Amino acid sequence: MSLASSVIAPHRPFLIGPVLADARHFQIATLGALVAIHLAGFDLGASPAQAAVTVAVALATQLVCSRLAGTAFDWRSPLITGFSLTLLLRTHSPALWIAAAVLAIGSKYVLRLRGKHIFNPATFAIVALLVLSPDAWVSPGQWGNAVWLSLLLACCAGLVLQRAARADIALAFLGCFAGLLLLRAWSLGDPLTIPLHQLQSGSLLLFSFFMITDPRSTPDSRLCRIGFAAAVAGLAYWLQFRWQLRPGAYFALFALSPLTPLLDWLVPATRFAWRRELSQPSIVEA
């Protein structure tokens, strides 16, 4: 072994270990790339000002809450939440940008049970603002339905889910929701292009891969996760097509999230940990 390799090799784990050991780094890279696509000229609906304010307030709120709670400040979670809010929440009011970030991060510290969040932070903030303000909305087709963008999001998300061990809940939700859309098209005599067009929404894919898959607010057991995803898909479909509530998926996830503590109690399983050793899987199912 050369002198160079003998010097470099011992330090390699310290250079790449912290990155590969935490799945949130892959989430940050993926969501950050989507925000960058918008800033580069593809109009995804958010402004650079909204992105800057939302992310900055999310980080500041995390810092304040961690100090009050006496815990260490972690920049990764608020950065993911800030990116998610930037990509999903539409509003022209700077006050609502700030409110969204504060509500999302604050909910992690206030609405929790047995060490887990009751709600996905971004979902909680989005639903709260949709209910409380007429100036906030989520557009299911906000990114257009370009196939290449949908595939980009799906492929990047696949990498993240492989690290986070939550591909099951994403695929279960998408599979059930797609099945309901296809069944509806068949019953109405609609062409297949209609449900396929609906499934190409960037907002739907972002919800499927980065919100319903949140390991801190979804069941620990794989069986419960699949059942939970199917229930969210069914309620989302009912809200969207029975009550014409376009952001039905967000309201469905919000409504059913309080069931997670009950499911974890009924079907105990190993709790997910963000960090892992490089030679070990990120989660072991019970």
C-alpha atoms as a PDB file:
ATOM      1  CA  MET A   1       0.000   0.000   0.000  1.00  0.00           C
ATOM      2  CA  SER A   2       1.345   3.398  -0.991  1.00  0.00           C
ATOM      3  CA  LEU A   3       2.101   6.155   1.464  1.00  0.00           C
ATOM      4  CA  ALA A   4      -0.729   8.263   0.011  1.00  0.00           C
ATOM      5  CA  SER A   5      -3.329   5.540   0.468  1.00  0.00           C
ATOM      6  CA  SER A   6      -2.137   4.794   3.992  1.00  0.00           C
ATOM      7  CA  VAL A   7      -2.597   8.440   4.910  1.00  0.00           C
ATOM      8  CA  ILE A   8      -5.942   9.031   3.173  1.00  0.00           C
ATOM      9  CA  ALA A   9      -7.758   5.760   3.917  1.00  0.00           C
ATOM     10  CA  PRO A  10      -8.072   6.205   7.713  1.00  0.00           C
ATOM     11  CA  HIS A  11      -9.734   9.571   7.218  1.00  0.00           C
ATOM     12  CA  ARG A  12     -12.226   8.518   4.532  1.00  0.00           C
ATOM     13  CA  PRO A  13     -14.977   7.404   6.956  1.00  0.00           C
ATOM     14  CA  PHE A  14     -14.871  10.811   8.635  1.00  0.00           C
ATOM     15  CA  LEU A  15     -15.362  12.537   5.289  1.00  0.00           C
ATOM     16  CA  ILE A  16     -18.236  10.485   3.892  1.00  0.00           C
ATOM     17  CA  GLY A  17     -19.623   8.762   6.989  1.00  0.00           C
ATOM     18  CA  PRO A  18     -21.773  11.603   8.365  1.00  0.00           C
ATOM     19  CA  VAL A  19     -23.307  12.166   4.929  1.00  0.00           C
ATOM     20  CA  LEU A  20     -24.152   8.557   4.124  1.00  0.00           C
ATOM     21  CA  ALA A  21     -25.293   7.770   7.659  1.00  0.00           C
ATOM     22  CA  ASP A  22     -28.230  10.189   7.683  1.00  0.00           C
ATOM     23  CA  ALA A  23     -31.025   9.911   5.090  1.00  0.00           C
ATOM     24  CA  ARG A  24     -31.960  13.556   5.592  1.00  0.00           C
ATOM     25  CA  HIS A  25     -28.900  14.611   3.603  1.00  0.00           C
ATOM     26  CA  PHE A  26     -30.385  12.915   0.545  1.00  0.00           C
ATOM     27  CA  GLN A  27     -33.751  14.580   1.177  1.00  0.00           C
ATOM     28  CA  ILE A  28     -32.075  17.969   1.423  1.00  0.00           C
ATOM     29  CA  ALA A  29     -30.159  17.362  -1.807  1.00  0.00           C
ATOM     30  CA  THR A  30     -33.318  16.292  -3.672  1.00  0.00           C
ATOM     31  CA  LEU A  31     -35.601  19.043  -2.400  1.00  0.00           C
ATOM     32  CA  GLY A  32     -32.858  21.623  -2.784  1.00  0.00           C
ATOM     33  CA  ALA A  33     -32.371  20.560  -6.403  1.00  0.00           C
ATOM     34  CA  LEU A  34     -36.107  21.026  -7.064  1.00  0.00           C
ATOM     35  CA  VAL A  35     -36.001  24.500  -5.540  1.00  0.00           C
ATOM     36  CA  ALA A  36     -32.939  25.263  -7.677  1.00  0.00           C
ATOM     37  CA  ILE A  37     -34.816  24.120 -10.805  1.00  0.00           C
ATOM     38  CA  HIS A  38     -37.443  26.725 -10.015  1.00  0.00           C
ATOM     39  CA  LEU A  39     -34.884  29.448  -9.390  1.00  0.00           C
ATOM     40  CA  ALA A  40     -33.103  28.547 -12.628  1.00  0.00           C
ATOM     41  CA  GLY A  41     -36.122  29.543 -14.654  1.00  0.00           C
ATOM     42  CA  PHE A  42     -38.787  26.838 -14.409  1.00  0.00           C
ATOM     43  CA  ASP A  43     -41.791  28.478 -12.815  1.00  0.00           C
ATOM     44  CA  LEU A  44     -42.949  26.073 -10.119  1.00  0.00           C
ATOM     45  CA  GLY A  45     -45.069  28.734  -8.449  1.00  0.00           C
ATOM     46  CA  ALA A  46     -42.845  29.958  -5.610  1.00  0.00           C
ATOM     47  CA  SER A  47     -40.695  33.097  -5.610  1.00  0.00           C
ATOM     48  CA  PRO A  48     -37.057  33.363  -4.520  1.00  0.00           C
ATOM     49  CA  ALA A  49     -38.200  35.674  -1.731  1.00  0.00           C
ATOM     50  CA  GLN A  50     -40.633  33.059  -0.414  1.00  0.00           C
ATOM     51  CA  ALA A  51     -37.930  30.409  -0.474  1.00  0.00           C
ATOM     52  CA  ALA A  52     -35.438  32.597   1.398  1.00  0.00           C
ATOM     53  CA  VAL A  53     -37.911  33.771   4.041  1.00  0.00           C
ATOM     54  CA  THR A  54     -39.468  30.357   4.627  1.00  0.00           C
ATOM     55  CA  VAL A  55     -36.156  28.550   5.032  1.00  0.00           C
ATOM     56  CA  ALA A  56     -34.642  31.289   7.204  1.00  0.00           C
ATOM     57  CA  VAL A  57     -37.658  31.411   9.541  1.00  0.00           C
ATOM     58  CA  ALA A  58     -37.774  27.614   9.772  1.00  0.00           C
ATOM     59  CA  LEU A  59     -34.124  27.510  10.838  1.00  0.00           C
ATOM     60  CA  ALA A  60     -34.603  30.382  13.300  1.00  0.00           C
ATOM     61  CA  THR A  61     -37.694  28.765  14.832  1.00  0.00           C
ATOM     62  CA  GLN A  62     -35.844  25.464  15.205  1.00  0.00           C
ATOM     63  CA  LEU A  63     -33.009  27.293  16.968  1.00  0.00           C
ATOM     64  CA  VAL A  64     -35.359  29.043  19.394  1.00  0.00           C
ATOM     65  CA  CYS A  65     -37.396  25.907  20.119  1.00  0.00           C
ATOM     66  CA  SER A  66     -34.310  23.759  20.644  1.00  0.00           C
ATOM     67  CA  ARG A  67     -32.932  26.308  23.110  1.00  0.00           C
ATOM     68  CA  LEU A  68     -36.233  26.433  25.006  1.00  0.00           C
ATOM     69  CA  ALA A  69     -36.451  22.629  25.053  1.00  0.00           C
ATOM     70  CA  GLY A  70     -32.821  22.246  26.077  1.00  0.00           C
ATOM     71  CA  THR A  71     -31.930  20.109  23.064  1.00  0.00           C
ATOM     72  CA  ALA A  72     -29.198  20.392  20.462  1.00  0.00           C
ATOM     73  CA  PHE A  73     -29.914  22.471  17.362  1.00  0.00           C
ATOM     74  CA  ASP A  74     -30.252  20.356  14.210  1.00  0.00           C
ATOM     75  CA  TRP A  75     -30.404  22.266  10.911  1.00  0.00           C
ATOM     76  CA  ARG A  76     -31.456  19.330   8.729  1.00  0.00           C
ATOM     77  CA  SER A  77     -35.103  18.916   9.733  1.00  0.00           C
ATOM     78  CA  PRO A  78     -36.046  22.629   9.422  1.00  0.00           C
ATOM     79  CA  LEU A  79     -34.247  22.838   6.086  1.00  0.00           C
ATOM     80  CA  ILE A  80     -36.316  19.926   4.730  1.00  0.00           C
ATOM     81  CA  THR A  81     -39.496  21.527   6.072  1.00  0.00           C
ATOM     82  CA  GLY A  82     -38.586  24.912   4.600  1.00  0.00           C
ATOM     83  CA  PHE A  83     -37.923  23.422   1.174  1.00  0.00           C
ATOM     84  CA  SER A  84     -41.195  21.443   1.306  1.00  0.00           C
ATOM     85  CA  LEU A  85     -43.227  24.524   2.199  1.00  0.00           C
ATOM     86  CA  THR A  86     -41.519  26.492  -0.569  1.00  0.00           C
ATOM     87  CA  LEU A  87     -42.439  23.887  -3.168  1.00  0.00           C
ATOM     88  CA  LEU A  88     -45.994  23.182  -2.012  1.00  0.00           C
ATOM     89  CA  LEU A  89     -47.541  26.228  -0.332  1.00  0.00           C
ATOM     90  CA  ARG A  90     -48.695  29.070  -2.558  1.00  0.00           C
ATOM     91  CA  THR A  91     -49.320  32.519  -1.081  1.00  0.00           C
ATOM     92  CA  HIS A  92     -48.264  36.049  -1.934  1.00  0.00           C
ATOM     93  CA  SER A  93     -48.296  37.187   1.694  1.00  0.00           C
ATOM     94  CA  PRO A  94     -44.889  37.359   3.464  1.00  0.00           C
ATOM     95  CA  ALA A  95     -46.752  37.100   6.776  1.00  0.00           C
ATOM     96  CA  LEU A  96     -48.065  33.692   5.736  1.00  0.00           C
ATOM     97  CA  TRP A  97     -44.581  32.574   4.657  1.00  0.00           C
ATOM     98  CA  ILE A  98     -43.446  33.314   8.201  1.00  0.00           C
ATOM     99  CA  ALA A  99     -46.544  31.778   9.789  1.00  0.00           C
ATOM    100  CA  ALA A 100     -46.104  28.563   7.800  1.00  0.00           C
ATOM    101  CA  ALA A 101     -42.535  28.065   8.973  1.00  0.00           C
ATOM    102  CA  VAL A 102     -43.365  28.877  12.613  1.00  0.00           C
ATOM    103  CA  LEU A 103     -46.402  26.576  12.656  1.00  0.00           C
ATOM    104  CA  ALA A 104     -44.513  23.717  11.021  1.00  0.00           C
ATOM    105  CA  ILE A 105     -41.474  23.774  13.296  1.00  0.00           C
ATOM    106  CA  GLY A 106     -43.467  24.653  16.411  1.00  0.00           C
ATOM    107  CA  SER A 107     -45.779  21.683  15.882  1.00  0.00           C
ATOM    108  CA  LYS A 108     -42.819  19.309  16.237  1.00  0.00           C
ATOM    109  CA  TYR A 109     -42.218  20.488  19.795  1.00  0.00           C
ATOM    110  CA  VAL A 110     -45.811  20.954  20.933  1.00  0.00           C
ATOM    111  CA  LEU A 111     -47.748  18.182  19.141  1.00  0.00           C
ATOM    112  CA  ARG A 112     -45.789  15.060  19.946  1.00  0.00           C
ATOM    113  CA  LEU A 113     -46.304  11.808  21.816  1.00  0.00           C
ATOM    114  CA  ARG A 114     -43.768   9.239  22.973  1.00  0.00           C
ATOM    115  CA  GLY A 115     -40.951  10.878  21.050  1.00  0.00           C
ATOM    116  CA  LYS A 116     -42.775  11.135  17.689  1.00  0.00           C
ATOM    117  CA  HIS A 117     -44.540  13.978  15.930  1.00  0.00           C
ATOM    118  CA  ILE A 118     -48.293  13.595  15.683  1.00  0.00           C
ATOM    119  CA  PHE A 119     -48.322  15.467  12.368  1.00  0.00           C
ATOM    120  CA  ASN A 120     -45.836  15.886   9.562  1.00  0.00           C
ATOM    121  CA  PRO A 121     -44.679  19.485  10.186  1.00  0.00           C
ATOM    122  CA  ALA A 122     -45.193  20.778   6.629  1.00  0.00           C
ATOM    123  CA  THR A 123     -48.593  19.071   6.373  1.00  0.00           C
ATOM    124  CA  PHE A 124     -49.730  20.647   9.641  1.00  0.00           C
ATOM    125  CA  ALA A 125     -48.715  24.136   8.502  1.00  0.00           C
ATOM    126  CA  ILE A 126     -50.274  23.783   5.041  1.00  0.00           C
ATOM    127  CA  VAL A 127     -53.622  22.510   6.347  1.00  0.00           C
ATOM    128  CA  ALA A 128     -53.715  25.137   9.108  1.00  0.00           C
ATOM    129  CA  LEU A 129     -53.181  27.979   6.640  1.00  0.00           C
ATOM    130  CA  LEU A 130     -55.634  26.534   4.108  1.00  0.00           C
ATOM    131  CA  VAL A 131     -58.281  26.532   6.827  1.00  0.00           C
ATOM    132  CA  LEU A 132     -57.404  29.868   8.429  1.00  0.00           C
ATOM    133  CA  SER A 133     -56.545  32.044   5.426  1.00  0.00           C
ATOM    134  CA  PRO A 134     -58.176  32.536   2.007  1.00  0.00           C
ATOM    135  CA  ASP A 135     -54.808  33.759   0.716  1.00  0.00           C
ATOM    136  CA  ALA A 136     -53.095  30.356   0.895  1.00  0.00           C
ATOM    137  CA  TRP A 137     -53.578  27.491  -1.516  1.00  0.00           C
ATOM    138  CA  VAL A 138     -51.979  24.376  -2.976  1.00  0.00           C
ATOM    139  CA  SER A 139     -52.261  23.825  -6.715  1.00  0.00           C
ATOM    140  CA  PRO A 140     -52.126  20.111  -7.696  1.00  0.00           C
ATOM    141  CA  GLY A 141     -50.918  21.017 -11.185  1.00  0.00           C
ATOM    142  CA  GLN A 142     -48.596  23.803 -10.151  1.00  0.00           C
ATOM    143  CA  TRP A 143     -45.577  22.307 -11.900  1.00  0.00           C
ATOM    144  CA  GLY A 144     -47.420  21.452 -15.071  1.00  0.00           C
ATOM    145  CA  ASN A 145     -47.541  17.801 -15.988  1.00  0.00           C
ATOM    146  CA  ALA A 146     -44.261  17.492 -17.807  1.00  0.00           C
ATOM    147  CA  VAL A 147     -43.311  13.823 -17.800  1.00  0.00           C
ATOM    148  CA  TRP A 148     -39.606  14.567 -17.476  1.00  0.00           C
ATOM    149  CA  LEU A 149     -40.104  16.540 -14.256  1.00  0.00           C
ATOM    150  CA  SER A 150     -42.296  13.832 -12.755  1.00  0.00           C
ATOM    151  CA  LEU A 151     -39.705  11.199 -13.591  1.00  0.00           C
ATOM    152  CA  LEU A 152     -36.938  13.372 -12.150  1.00  0.00           C
ATOM    153  CA  LEU A 153     -38.812  13.723  -8.874  1.00  0.00           C
ATOM    154  CA  ALA A 154     -39.670  10.017  -8.725  1.00  0.00           C
ATOM    155  CA  CYS A 155     -36.089   8.910  -9.390  1.00  0.00           C
ATOM    156  CA  CYS A 156     -34.567  11.307  -6.876  1.00  0.00           C
ATOM    157  CA  ALA A 157     -37.168  10.341  -4.299  1.00  0.00           C
ATOM    158  CA  GLY A 158     -36.398   6.662  -4.883  1.00  0.00           C
ATOM    159  CA  LEU A 159     -32.848   7.267  -3.747  1.00  0.00           C
ATOM    160  CA  VAL A 160     -34.073   9.018  -0.626  1.00  0.00           C
ATOM    161  CA  LEU A 161     -36.589   6.306   0.215  1.00  0.00           C
ATOM    162  CA  GLN A 162     -33.974   3.604  -0.171  1.00  0.00           C
ATOM    163  CA  ARG A 163     -32.032   5.332   2.587  1.00  0.00           C
ATOM    164  CA  ALA A 164     -35.081   6.093   4.721  1.00  0.00           C
ATOM    165  CA  ALA A 165     -36.682   2.636   4.352  1.00  0.00           C
ATOM    166  CA  ARG A 166     -40.074   4.122   3.583  1.00  0.00           C
ATOM    167  CA  ALA A 167     -40.618   3.077  -0.037  1.00  0.00           C
ATOM    168  CA  ASP A 168     -43.449   0.806   1.119  1.00  0.00           C
ATOM    169  CA  ILE A 169     -45.739   3.608   2.280  1.00  0.00           C
ATOM    170  CA  ALA A 170     -45.074   5.747  -0.806  1.00  0.00           C
ATOM    171  CA  LEU A 171     -45.763   2.901  -3.215  1.00  0.00           C
ATOM    172  CA  ALA A 172     -48.840   1.810  -1.250  1.00  0.00           C
ATOM    173  CA  PHE A 173     -50.309   5.315  -1.350  1.00  0.00           C
ATOM    174  CA  LEU A 174     -49.556   5.852  -5.044  1.00  0.00           C
ATOM    175  CA  GLY A 175     -50.789   2.382  -5.947  1.00  0.00           C
ATOM    176  CA  CYS A 176     -54.095   2.773  -4.108  1.00  0.00           C
ATOM    177  CA  PHE A 177     -54.680   6.304  -5.345  1.00  0.00           C
ATOM    178  CA  ALA A 178     -53.821   5.339  -8.925  1.00  0.00           C
ATOM    179  CA  GLY A 179     -56.166   2.358  -8.683  1.00  0.00           C
ATOM    180  CA  LEU A 180     -59.021   4.588  -7.533  1.00  0.00           C
ATOM    181  CA  LEU A 181     -58.374   7.052 -10.372  1.00  0.00           C
ATOM    182  CA  LEU A 182     -58.350   4.239 -12.925  1.00  0.00           C
ATOM    183  CA  LEU A 183     -61.542   2.755 -11.482  1.00  0.00           C
ATOM    184  CA  ARG A 184     -63.222   6.157 -11.651  1.00  0.00           C
ATOM    185  CA  ALA A 185     -62.157   6.653 -15.272  1.00  0.00           C
ATOM    186  CA  TRP A 186     -63.472   3.201 -16.180  1.00  0.00           C
ATOM    187  CA  SER A 187     -66.823   3.795 -14.446  1.00  0.00           C
ATOM    188  CA  LEU A 188     -67.270   7.155 -16.196  1.00  0.00           C
ATOM    189  CA  GLY A 189     -66.086   5.899 -19.572  1.00  0.00           C
ATOM    190  CA  ASP A 190     -63.183   8.367 -19.583  1.00  0.00           C
ATOM    191  CA  PRO A 191     -60.062   7.692 -21.662  1.00  0.00           C
ATOM    192  CA  LEU A 192     -56.987   6.364 -19.878  1.00  0.00           C
ATOM    193  CA  THR A 193     -55.146   9.616 -20.564  1.00  0.00           C
ATOM    194  CA  ILE A 194     -57.201  11.412 -17.890  1.00  0.00           C
ATOM    195  CA  PRO A 195     -56.042   9.413 -14.836  1.00  0.00           C
ATOM    196  CA  LEU A 196     -52.507   9.257 -16.232  1.00  0.00           C
ATOM    197  CA  HIS A 197     -52.526  13.042 -16.553  1.00  0.00           C
ATOM    198  CA  GLN A 198     -53.727  13.372 -12.950  1.00  0.00           C
ATOM    199  CA  LEU A 199     -50.923  11.128 -11.715  1.00  0.00           C
ATOM    200  CA  GLN A 200     -48.264  13.290 -13.401  1.00  0.00           C
ATOM    201  CA  SER A 201     -48.771  16.115 -10.906  1.00  0.00           C
ATOM    202  CA  GLY A 202     -45.507  17.139  -9.291  1.00  0.00           C
ATOM    203  CA  SER A 203     -47.387  18.102  -6.141  1.00  0.00           C
ATOM    204  CA  LEU A 204     -48.840  14.583  -5.825  1.00  0.00           C
ATOM    205  CA  LEU A 205     -45.436  12.985  -6.226  1.00  0.00           C
ATOM    206  CA  LEU A 206     -43.825  15.344  -3.733  1.00  0.00           C
ATOM    207  CA  PHE A 207     -46.553  14.514  -1.226  1.00  0.00           C
ATOM    208  CA  SER A 208     -46.139  10.783  -1.874  1.00  0.00           C
ATOM    209  CA  PHE A 209     -42.370  10.672  -1.554  1.00  0.00           C
ATOM    210  CA  PHE A 210     -41.597  13.327   1.039  1.00  0.00           C
ATOM    211  CA  MET A 211     -44.627  13.912   3.264  1.00  0.00           C
ATOM    212  CA  ILE A 212     -46.547  10.689   3.842  1.00  0.00           C
ATOM    213  CA  THR A 213     -43.169   8.922   4.159  1.00  0.00           C
ATOM    214  CA  ASP A 214     -42.048  11.000   7.163  1.00  0.00           C
ATOM    215  CA  PRO A 215     -40.748   8.343   9.609  1.00  0.00           C
ATOM    216  CA  ARG A 216     -41.341  10.610  12.614  1.00  0.00           C
ATOM    217  CA  SER A 217     -45.099  10.802  12.018  1.00  0.00           C
ATOM    218  CA  THR A 218     -45.996   7.482  10.372  1.00  0.00           C
ATOM    219  CA  PRO A 219     -46.384   3.985  11.892  1.00  0.00           C
ATOM    220  CA  ASP A 220     -43.290   1.982  12.790  1.00  0.00           C
ATOM    221  CA  SER A 221     -44.698  -1.333  11.573  1.00  0.00           C
ATOM    222  CA  ARG A 222     -44.557  -2.000   7.832  1.00  0.00           C
ATOM    223  CA  LEU A 223     -47.989  -3.632   7.850  1.00  0.00           C
ATOM    224  CA  CYS A 224     -49.490  -0.613   9.595  1.00  0.00           C
ATOM    225  CA  ARG A 225     -47.730   1.770   7.206  1.00  0.00           C
ATOM    226  CA  ILE A 226     -49.276   0.053   4.196  1.00  0.00           C
ATOM    227  CA  GLY A 227     -52.722   0.098   5.772  1.00  0.00           C
ATOM    228  CA  PHE A 228     -52.243   3.720   6.790  1.00  0.00           C
ATOM    229  CA  ALA A 229     -51.229   4.664   3.230  1.00  0.00           C
ATOM    230  CA  ALA A 230     -54.291   2.915   1.798  1.00  0.00           C
ATOM    231  CA  ALA A 231     -56.550   4.773   4.230  1.00  0.00           C
ATOM    232  CA  VAL A 232     -54.980   8.136   3.340  1.00  0.00           C
ATOM    233  CA  ALA A 233     -55.381   7.368  -0.379  1.00  0.00           C
ATOM    234  CA  GLY A 234     -59.040   6.438   0.068  1.00  0.00           C
ATOM    235  CA  LEU A 235     -59.862   9.515   2.135  1.00  0.00           C
ATOM    236  CA  ALA A 236     -57.889  11.768  -0.220  1.00  0.00           C
ATOM    237  CA  TYR A 237     -59.823  10.422  -3.207  1.00  0.00           C
ATOM    238  CA  TRP A 238     -63.166  10.906  -1.412  1.00  0.00           C
ATOM    239  CA  LEU A 239     -62.327  14.478  -0.393  1.00  0.00           C
ATOM    240  CA  GLN A 240     -61.072  15.390  -3.842  1.00  0.00           C
ATOM    241  CA  PHE A 241     -63.887  13.951  -5.941  1.00  0.00           C
ATOM    242  CA  ARG A 242     -66.838  13.889  -3.528  1.00  0.00           C
ATOM    243  CA  TRP A 243     -66.251  17.253  -1.868  1.00  0.00           C
ATOM    244  CA  GLN A 244     -64.166  18.876  -4.620  1.00  0.00           C
ATOM    245  CA  LEU A 245     -61.354  19.544  -2.136  1.00  0.00           C
ATOM    246  CA  ARG A 246     -58.336  19.647  -4.425  1.00  0.00           C
ATOM    247  CA  PRO A 247     -55.661  19.400  -1.697  1.00  0.00           C
ATOM    248  CA  GLY A 248     -57.507  16.349  -0.372  1.00  0.00           C
ATOM    249  CA  ALA A 249     -54.309  14.371   0.234  1.00  0.00           C
ATOM    250  CA  TYR A 250     -53.031  16.925   2.740  1.00  0.00           C
ATOM    251  CA  PHE A 251     -56.314  17.004   4.640  1.00  0.00           C
ATOM    252  CA  ALA A 252     -56.463  13.207   4.595  1.00  0.00           C
ATOM    253  CA  LEU A 253     -52.961  12.852   6.024  1.00  0.00           C
ATOM    254  CA  PHE A 254     -53.733  15.507   8.638  1.00  0.00           C
ATOM    255  CA  ALA A 255     -56.968  13.783   9.660  1.00  0.00           C
ATOM    256  CA  LEU A 256     -55.485  10.286   9.936  1.00  0.00           C
ATOM    257  CA  SER A 257     -52.083  11.115  11.472  1.00  0.00           C
ATOM    258  CA  PRO A 258     -53.408  10.976  15.072  1.00  0.00           C
ATOM    259  CA  LEU A 259     -53.976   7.238  14.483  1.00  0.00           C
ATOM    260  CA  THR A 260     -50.211   6.640  14.313  1.00  0.00           C
ATOM    261  CA  PRO A 261     -49.629   6.526  18.110  1.00  0.00           C
ATOM    262  CA  LEU A 262     -52.504   4.036  18.420  1.00  0.00           C
ATOM    263  CA  LEU A 263     -51.099   1.842  15.637  1.00  0.00           C
ATOM    264  CA  ASP A 264     -47.627   1.944  17.195  1.00  0.00           C
ATOM    265  CA  TRP A 265     -49.150   0.810  20.497  1.00  0.00           C
ATOM    266  CA  LEU A 266     -51.225  -1.962  18.929  1.00  0.00           C
ATOM    267  CA  VAL A 267     -48.440  -3.250  16.647  1.00  0.00           C
ATOM    268  CA  PRO A 268     -45.062  -2.446  18.225  1.00  0.00           C
ATOM    269  CA  ALA A 269     -42.061  -2.287  15.898  1.00  0.00           C
ATOM    270  CA  THR A 270     -38.527  -0.972  15.920  1.00  0.00           C
ATOM    271  CA  ARG A 271     -38.412   2.822  15.900  1.00  0.00           C
ATOM    272  CA  PHE A 272     -36.748   4.411  12.882  1.00  0.00           C
ATOM    273  CA  ALA A 273     -33.463   6.237  13.479  1.00  0.00           C
ATOM    274  CA  TRP A 274     -32.210   8.832  11.007  1.00  0.00           C
ATOM    275  CA  ARG A 275     -28.543   8.070  11.605  1.00  0.00           C
ATOM    276  CA  ARG A 276     -27.090   4.620  11.063  1.00  0.00           C
ATOM    277  CA  GLU A 277     -23.777   2.872  10.772  1.00  0.00           C
ATOM    278  CA  LEU A 278     -22.634   2.521   7.178  1.00  0.00           C
ATOM    279  CA  SER A 279     -22.596  -1.255   7.414  1.00  0.00           C
ATOM    280  CA  GLN A 280     -26.036  -1.531   9.021  1.00  0.00           C
ATOM    281  CA  PRO A 281     -29.541  -1.023   7.627  1.00  0.00           C
ATOM    282  CA  SER A 282     -31.321   2.177   8.646  1.00  0.00           C
ATOM    283  CA  ILE A 283     -34.228   0.303  10.199  1.00  0.00           C
ATOM    284  CA  VAL A 284     -35.032  -3.229  11.278  1.00  0.00           C
ATOM    285  CA  GLU A 285     -38.656  -4.242  11.106  1.00  0.00           C
ATOM    286  CA  ALA A 286     -40.097  -6.130  14.043  1.00  0.00           C
END
